[in-house]
Protein backbone atom coordinates (compact mmCIF):
# COMPACT_ATOMS: atom_id res chain seq x y z
CA UNK A 1 0.00 0.00 0.00
CA UNK A 2 1.73 3.19 -1.16
CA UNK A 3 1.01 6.63 0.26
CA UNK A 4 2.06 10.10 -0.81
CA UNK A 5 3.83 12.35 1.67
CA UNK A 6 0.75 14.58 2.00
CA UNK A 7 -1.48 11.61 2.81
CA UNK A 8 1.07 10.47 5.43
CA UNK A 9 0.99 13.91 6.99
CA UNK A 10 -2.82 13.95 7.21
CA UNK A 11 -2.98 10.42 8.66
CA UNK A 12 -0.19 10.97 11.16
CA UNK A 13 -1.59 14.24 12.45
CA UNK A 14 -4.93 12.59 13.15
CA UNK A 15 -3.63 9.35 14.63
CA UNK A 16 -0.60 10.15 16.78
CA UNK A 17 0.87 12.43 19.39
CA UNK A 18 4.48 13.59 19.73
CA UNK A 19 6.61 15.39 22.27
CA UNK A 20 10.24 16.34 22.67
CA UNK A 21 12.58 14.17 24.72
CA UNK A 22 15.60 15.49 26.58
CA UNK A 23 16.97 18.99 26.79
CA UNK A 24 16.39 21.39 23.92
CA UNK A 25 19.56 22.78 22.34
CA UNK A 26 19.69 25.20 19.38
CA UNK A 27 22.83 23.43 18.08
CA UNK A 28 21.29 19.96 17.94
CA UNK A 29 18.07 18.45 16.67
CA UNK A 30 15.79 17.28 19.46
CA UNK A 31 14.59 13.71 19.72
CA UNK A 32 10.86 13.13 19.50
CA UNK A 33 8.81 10.35 21.00
CA UNK A 34 5.80 9.62 18.81
CA UNK A 35 2.92 7.44 19.93
CA UNK A 36 0.30 6.08 17.58
CA UNK A 37 -3.31 5.45 18.53
CA UNK A 38 -3.44 2.43 16.24
CA UNK A 39 -0.85 -0.31 15.80
CA UNK A 40 -1.68 -0.52 12.09
CA UNK A 41 -0.63 3.12 11.59
CA UNK A 42 2.70 2.46 13.35
CA UNK A 43 3.32 -0.57 11.17
CA UNK A 44 2.47 1.37 8.00
CA UNK A 45 4.90 4.16 8.89
CA UNK A 46 7.69 1.76 9.89
CA UNK A 47 7.32 -0.35 6.74
CA UNK A 48 7.46 2.70 4.45
CA UNK A 49 10.46 4.51 5.96
CA UNK A 50 12.65 3.68 2.98
CA UNK A 51 10.26 5.59 0.72
CA UNK A 52 10.43 8.68 2.92
CA UNK A 53 14.22 8.75 2.99
CA UNK A 54 14.54 8.22 -0.76
CA UNK A 55 12.06 10.93 -1.75
CA UNK A 56 12.98 13.88 0.48
CA UNK A 57 16.58 15.00 0.92
CA UNK A 58 16.07 16.63 4.33
CA UNK A 59 14.92 13.31 5.85
CA UNK A 60 18.07 11.38 4.92
CA UNK A 61 19.68 12.11 8.29
CA UNK A 62 16.58 11.17 10.29
CA UNK A 63 16.75 7.96 12.31
CA UNK A 64 13.50 6.28 13.32
CA UNK A 65 13.41 3.27 15.60
CA UNK A 66 10.76 1.61 17.73
CA UNK A 67 10.85 2.38 21.44
CA UNK A 68 10.59 -1.07 22.96
CA UNK A 69 10.48 -2.26 26.55
CA UNK A 70 13.70 -4.13 27.47
CA UNK A 71 11.80 -7.44 27.50
CA UNK A 72 10.43 -6.71 24.01
CA UNK A 73 13.95 -5.91 22.77
CA UNK A 74 15.19 -9.24 24.14
CA UNK A 75 12.28 -11.07 22.45
CA UNK A 76 13.07 -9.39 19.12
CA UNK A 77 16.74 -10.27 19.50
CA UNK A 78 15.90 -13.93 20.18
CA UNK A 79 13.46 -14.15 17.25
CA UNK A 80 16.03 -12.57 14.93
CA UNK A 81 18.69 -15.05 16.01
CA UNK A 82 16.28 -17.98 15.57
CA UNK A 83 15.34 -16.77 12.09
CA UNK A 84 19.02 -16.44 11.13
CA UNK A 85 19.73 -19.96 12.36
CA UNK A 86 16.70 -21.35 10.51
CA UNK A 87 17.86 -19.62 7.32
CA UNK A 88 21.41 -20.96 7.69
CA UNK A 89 20.17 -24.52 8.31
CA UNK A 90 18.04 -24.65 5.15
C-alpha atoms as a PDB file:
ATOM      1  CA  UNK A   1       0.000   0.000   0.000  1.00  0.00           C
ATOM      2  CA  UNK A   2       1.734   3.189  -1.165  1.00  0.00           C
ATOM      3  CA  UNK A   3       1.013   6.632   0.259  1.00  0.00           C
ATOM      4  CA  UNK A   4       2.056  10.097  -0.811  1.00  0.00           C
ATOM      5  CA  UNK A   5       3.828  12.355   1.674  1.00  0.00           C
ATOM      6  CA  UNK A   6       0.747  14.581   1.998  1.00  0.00           C
ATOM      7  CA  UNK A   7      -1.485  11.612   2.812  1.00  0.00           C
ATOM      8  CA  UNK A   8       1.071  10.474   5.427  1.00  0.00           C
ATOM      9  CA  UNK A   9       0.987  13.907   6.989  1.00  0.00           C
ATOM     10  CA  UNK A  10      -2.816  13.948   7.205  1.00  0.00           C
ATOM     11  CA  UNK A  11      -2.984  10.424   8.662  1.00  0.00           C
ATOM     12  CA  UNK A  12      -0.185  10.973  11.156  1.00  0.00           C
ATOM     13  CA  UNK A  13      -1.590  14.241  12.453  1.00  0.00           C
ATOM     14  CA  UNK A  14      -4.934  12.593  13.148  1.00  0.00           C
ATOM     15  CA  UNK A  15      -3.626   9.355  14.630  1.00  0.00           C
ATOM     16  CA  UNK A  16      -0.605  10.154  16.783  1.00  0.00           C
ATOM     17  CA  UNK A  17       0.872  12.431  19.393  1.00  0.00           C
ATOM     18  CA  UNK A  18       4.478  13.588  19.727  1.00  0.00           C
ATOM     19  CA  UNK A  19       6.609  15.391  22.275  1.00  0.00           C
ATOM     20  CA  UNK A  20      10.239  16.341  22.674  1.00  0.00           C
ATOM     21  CA  UNK A  21      12.585  14.166  24.716  1.00  0.00           C
ATOM     22  CA  UNK A  22      15.602  15.494  26.584  1.00  0.00           C
ATOM     23  CA  UNK A  23      16.970  18.995  26.794  1.00  0.00           C
ATOM     24  CA  UNK A  24      16.389  21.395  23.916  1.00  0.00           C
ATOM     25  CA  UNK A  25      19.565  22.781  22.344  1.00  0.00           C
ATOM     26  CA  UNK A  26      19.691  25.198  19.383  1.00  0.00           C
ATOM     27  CA  UNK A  27      22.832  23.435  18.080  1.00  0.00           C
ATOM     28  CA  UNK A  28      21.288  19.961  17.939  1.00  0.00           C
ATOM     29  CA  UNK A  29      18.074  18.447  16.672  1.00  0.00           C
ATOM     30  CA  UNK A  30      15.793  17.282  19.457  1.00  0.00           C
ATOM     31  CA  UNK A  31      14.593  13.706  19.717  1.00  0.00           C
ATOM     32  CA  UNK A  32      10.856  13.134  19.499  1.00  0.00           C
ATOM     33  CA  UNK A  33       8.807  10.350  20.999  1.00  0.00           C
ATOM     34  CA  UNK A  34       5.802   9.620  18.813  1.00  0.00           C
ATOM     35  CA  UNK A  35       2.919   7.439  19.933  1.00  0.00           C
ATOM     36  CA  UNK A  36       0.297   6.076  17.583  1.00  0.00           C
ATOM     37  CA  UNK A  37      -3.310   5.452  18.533  1.00  0.00           C
ATOM     38  CA  UNK A  38      -3.444   2.429  16.236  1.00  0.00           C
ATOM     39  CA  UNK A  39      -0.846  -0.306  15.804  1.00  0.00           C
ATOM     40  CA  UNK A  40      -1.677  -0.518  12.090  1.00  0.00           C
ATOM     41  CA  UNK A  41      -0.628   3.117  11.594  1.00  0.00           C
ATOM     42  CA  UNK A  42       2.702   2.461  13.345  1.00  0.00           C
ATOM     43  CA  UNK A  43       3.323  -0.574  11.172  1.00  0.00           C
ATOM     44  CA  UNK A  44       2.468   1.374   7.997  1.00  0.00           C
ATOM     45  CA  UNK A  45       4.902   4.162   8.892  1.00  0.00           C
ATOM     46  CA  UNK A  46       7.692   1.764   9.885  1.00  0.00           C
ATOM     47  CA  UNK A  47       7.316  -0.354   6.737  1.00  0.00           C
ATOM     48  CA  UNK A  48       7.455   2.695   4.448  1.00  0.00           C
ATOM     49  CA  UNK A  49      10.458   4.505   5.962  1.00  0.00           C
ATOM     50  CA  UNK A  50      12.654   3.675   2.981  1.00  0.00           C
ATOM     51  CA  UNK A  51      10.257   5.589   0.722  1.00  0.00           C
ATOM     52  CA  UNK A  52      10.427   8.678   2.915  1.00  0.00           C
ATOM     53  CA  UNK A  53      14.224   8.747   2.993  1.00  0.00           C
ATOM     54  CA  UNK A  54      14.538   8.224  -0.759  1.00  0.00           C
ATOM     55  CA  UNK A  55      12.063  10.926  -1.746  1.00  0.00           C
ATOM     56  CA  UNK A  56      12.981  13.879   0.477  1.00  0.00           C
ATOM     57  CA  UNK A  57      16.583  15.000   0.919  1.00  0.00           C
ATOM     58  CA  UNK A  58      16.071  16.633   4.330  1.00  0.00           C
ATOM     59  CA  UNK A  59      14.915  13.308   5.854  1.00  0.00           C
ATOM     60  CA  UNK A  60      18.071  11.380   4.918  1.00  0.00           C
ATOM     61  CA  UNK A  61      19.683  12.109   8.287  1.00  0.00           C
ATOM     62  CA  UNK A  62      16.578  11.169  10.289  1.00  0.00           C
ATOM     63  CA  UNK A  63      16.745   7.962  12.309  1.00  0.00           C
ATOM     64  CA  UNK A  64      13.498   6.282  13.317  1.00  0.00           C
ATOM     65  CA  UNK A  65      13.413   3.271  15.602  1.00  0.00           C
ATOM     66  CA  UNK A  66      10.756   1.612  17.725  1.00  0.00           C
ATOM     67  CA  UNK A  67      10.848   2.380  21.437  1.00  0.00           C
ATOM     68  CA  UNK A  68      10.588  -1.073  22.956  1.00  0.00           C
ATOM     69  CA  UNK A  69      10.485  -2.258  26.546  1.00  0.00           C
ATOM     70  CA  UNK A  70      13.703  -4.130  27.466  1.00  0.00           C
ATOM     71  CA  UNK A  71      11.799  -7.444  27.502  1.00  0.00           C
ATOM     72  CA  UNK A  72      10.428  -6.712  24.008  1.00  0.00           C
ATOM     73  CA  UNK A  73      13.950  -5.909  22.767  1.00  0.00           C
ATOM     74  CA  UNK A  74      15.190  -9.238  24.138  1.00  0.00           C
ATOM     75  CA  UNK A  75      12.280 -11.066  22.453  1.00  0.00           C
ATOM     76  CA  UNK A  76      13.068  -9.390  19.121  1.00  0.00           C
ATOM     77  CA  UNK A  77      16.743 -10.267  19.501  1.00  0.00           C
ATOM     78  CA  UNK A  78      15.896 -13.932  20.181  1.00  0.00           C
ATOM     79  CA  UNK A  79      13.459 -14.148  17.252  1.00  0.00           C
ATOM     80  CA  UNK A  80      16.027 -12.571  14.928  1.00  0.00           C
ATOM     81  CA  UNK A  81      18.689 -15.051  16.012  1.00  0.00           C
ATOM     82  CA  UNK A  82      16.280 -17.977  15.573  1.00  0.00           C
ATOM     83  CA  UNK A  83      15.343 -16.767  12.093  1.00  0.00           C
ATOM     84  CA  UNK A  84      19.018 -16.438  11.126  1.00  0.00           C
ATOM     85  CA  UNK A  85      19.726 -19.961  12.363  1.00  0.00           C
ATOM     86  CA  UNK A  86      16.698 -21.350  10.507  1.00  0.00           C
ATOM     87  CA  UNK A  87      17.864 -19.616   7.319  1.00  0.00           C
ATOM     88  CA  UNK A  88      21.412 -20.962   7.686  1.00  0.00           C
ATOM     89  CA  UNK A  89      20.168 -24.525   8.308  1.00  0.00           C
ATOM     90  CA  UNK A  90      18.036 -24.647   5.151  1.00  0.00           C
END
